[in-house]
Protein backbone atom coordinates (compact mmCIF):
# COMPACT_ATOMS: atom_id res chain seq x y z
CA MET A 1 101.37 98.95 98.37
CA SER A 2 104.33 97.10 98.47
CA THR A 3 105.48 94.79 101.03
CA ILE A 4 103.25 92.50 102.92
CA VAL A 5 104.10 92.92 106.46
CA THR A 6 101.83 90.56 108.46
CA ALA A 7 98.11 88.93 107.43
CA HIS A 8 96.13 91.83 106.43
CA ILE A 9 98.53 94.61 107.12
CA GLN A 10 100.47 96.28 104.30
CA LEU A 11 103.66 98.84 104.28
CA ASP A 12 103.08 101.98 101.03
CA SER A 13 106.34 103.04 99.73
CA GLU A 14 106.72 105.48 102.55
CA GLY A 15 106.33 102.96 105.19
CA ILE A 16 102.62 103.38 106.18
CA ALA A 17 100.65 100.69 107.58
CA TRP A 18 97.39 99.87 105.74
CA ILE A 19 94.85 97.41 106.13
CA ASP A 20 94.92 95.37 103.10
CA ASP A 21 91.94 96.05 100.04
CA THR A 22 90.81 98.70 102.32
CA ASN A 23 91.61 102.80 102.15
CA THR A 24 92.12 102.59 106.46
CA LYS A 25 95.66 103.14 107.68
CA VAL A 26 96.44 101.02 111.15
CA ILE A 27 96.83 104.16 112.25
CA GLU A 28 93.15 105.05 112.27
CA VAL A 29 91.84 101.98 114.00
CA VAL A 30 94.07 102.72 116.12
CA LEU A 31 92.87 106.35 117.31
CA ASP A 32 90.02 105.16 117.17
CA LYS A 33 90.70 102.52 120.02
CA LEU A 34 92.84 105.56 121.72
CA ALA A 35 90.25 108.05 121.83
CA HIS A 36 87.09 106.28 122.08
CA GLY A 37 88.43 103.53 123.99
CA TRP A 38 86.22 100.76 121.56
CA SER A 39 86.66 97.67 121.28
CA PRO A 40 87.03 95.59 118.22
CA GLU A 41 83.59 95.02 118.36
CA GLU A 42 82.99 98.78 118.42
CA ILE A 43 85.36 99.28 115.90
CA HIS A 44 83.46 97.09 113.48
CA PHE A 45 80.59 98.67 114.39
CA GLN A 46 81.86 101.80 113.53
CA HIS A 47 83.82 100.70 110.64
CA PRO A 48 81.48 98.11 109.12
CA HIS A 49 83.86 97.70 105.96
CA LEU A 50 86.28 96.41 107.92
CA SER A 51 86.35 92.47 109.40
CA LEU A 52 87.31 91.82 112.80
CA ALA A 53 90.40 90.09 111.53
CA GLN A 54 91.20 93.23 110.45
CA ILE A 55 91.16 94.83 112.74
CA HIS A 56 92.61 92.48 114.91
CA ALA A 57 95.31 92.84 112.73
CA ALA A 58 95.72 96.19 112.57
CA LEU A 59 95.79 96.48 116.26
CA SER A 60 98.12 93.87 116.44
CA TYR A 61 100.68 95.66 114.50
CA TYR A 62 99.82 98.27 116.65
CA TYR A 63 101.29 97.13 119.71
CA ASP A 64 104.49 95.19 118.41
CA ASN A 65 105.29 98.94 117.08
CA GLU A 66 103.29 100.81 119.85
CA ARG A 67 106.44 103.12 120.25
CA GLN A 68 106.41 104.25 116.37
CA PHE A 69 103.15 104.86 116.24
CA ASP A 70 102.72 106.78 119.88
CA ALA A 71 105.68 109.04 118.75
CA GLN A 72 103.79 110.03 115.35
CA ILE A 73 100.85 110.55 116.84
CA GLU A 74 102.56 112.90 119.16
CA ARG A 75 103.94 114.48 116.09
CA ASP A 76 100.97 114.73 114.49
CA LEU A 77 99.24 116.41 118.11
CA GLN A 78 102.37 118.73 117.87
CA GLU A 79 101.39 119.73 114.33
CA VAL A 80 98.27 120.58 114.82
CA GLU A 81 98.48 122.25 118.15
CA ALA A 82 100.96 124.82 116.16
CA MET A 83 98.54 125.08 112.90
CA ARG A 84 95.44 126.03 115.58
CA ALA A 85 97.61 128.30 117.31
CA ALA A 86 99.04 129.77 114.05
CA ALA A 87 95.56 130.49 112.19
CA GLY A 88 94.50 132.33 115.69
CA GLU A 89 90.70 132.78 116.50
CA SER A 90 87.90 131.95 113.88
CA PRO A 91 85.93 135.02 112.32
CA PHE A 92 82.66 133.09 113.84
CA VAL A 93 84.48 133.31 117.65
CA LYS A 94 85.51 136.69 117.50
CA ARG A 95 81.90 137.89 115.95
CA MET A 96 80.49 136.24 118.92
CA ARG A 97 83.06 137.38 121.10
CA THR A 98 82.61 140.66 120.13
CA ALA A 99 78.50 140.27 120.00
CA GLY A 100 79.15 139.30 123.73
CA ARG A 101 77.44 135.86 123.14
CA ILE A 102 81.23 134.39 124.50
CA THR A 103 83.46 135.08 126.86
C-alpha cells in the first residue's frame, strides 16, 4: 500500500482502498452496511479486528466516492450473475430435481 488517502485508508497500486493495518478492503465494510444495514457498532461487533475509527473512516471514504463504489458493486454483481448463468444448474440441484425433492 503506497498512498495514504485519509486517516486509516490507503490505496494500493491498483487504486483499491484498504483499511490500514488490516487485510480488509473499504468495499467489504460498505457491503456490510448496504447488504445488512449494519451500524458502525454492529460492523465492529462482526469484525472486532476493525476499530470504530477505521470503520467510520471506511464509510466516510465510501460516501466521498459513492458513485465509483456503487458502479463497482454493480459491475461485480453483473459479473457474478454472468458466471452463475454460465455455470448452469449445480449437480446437486439436478439430482434433487430428478429425485422430485424440488421443483
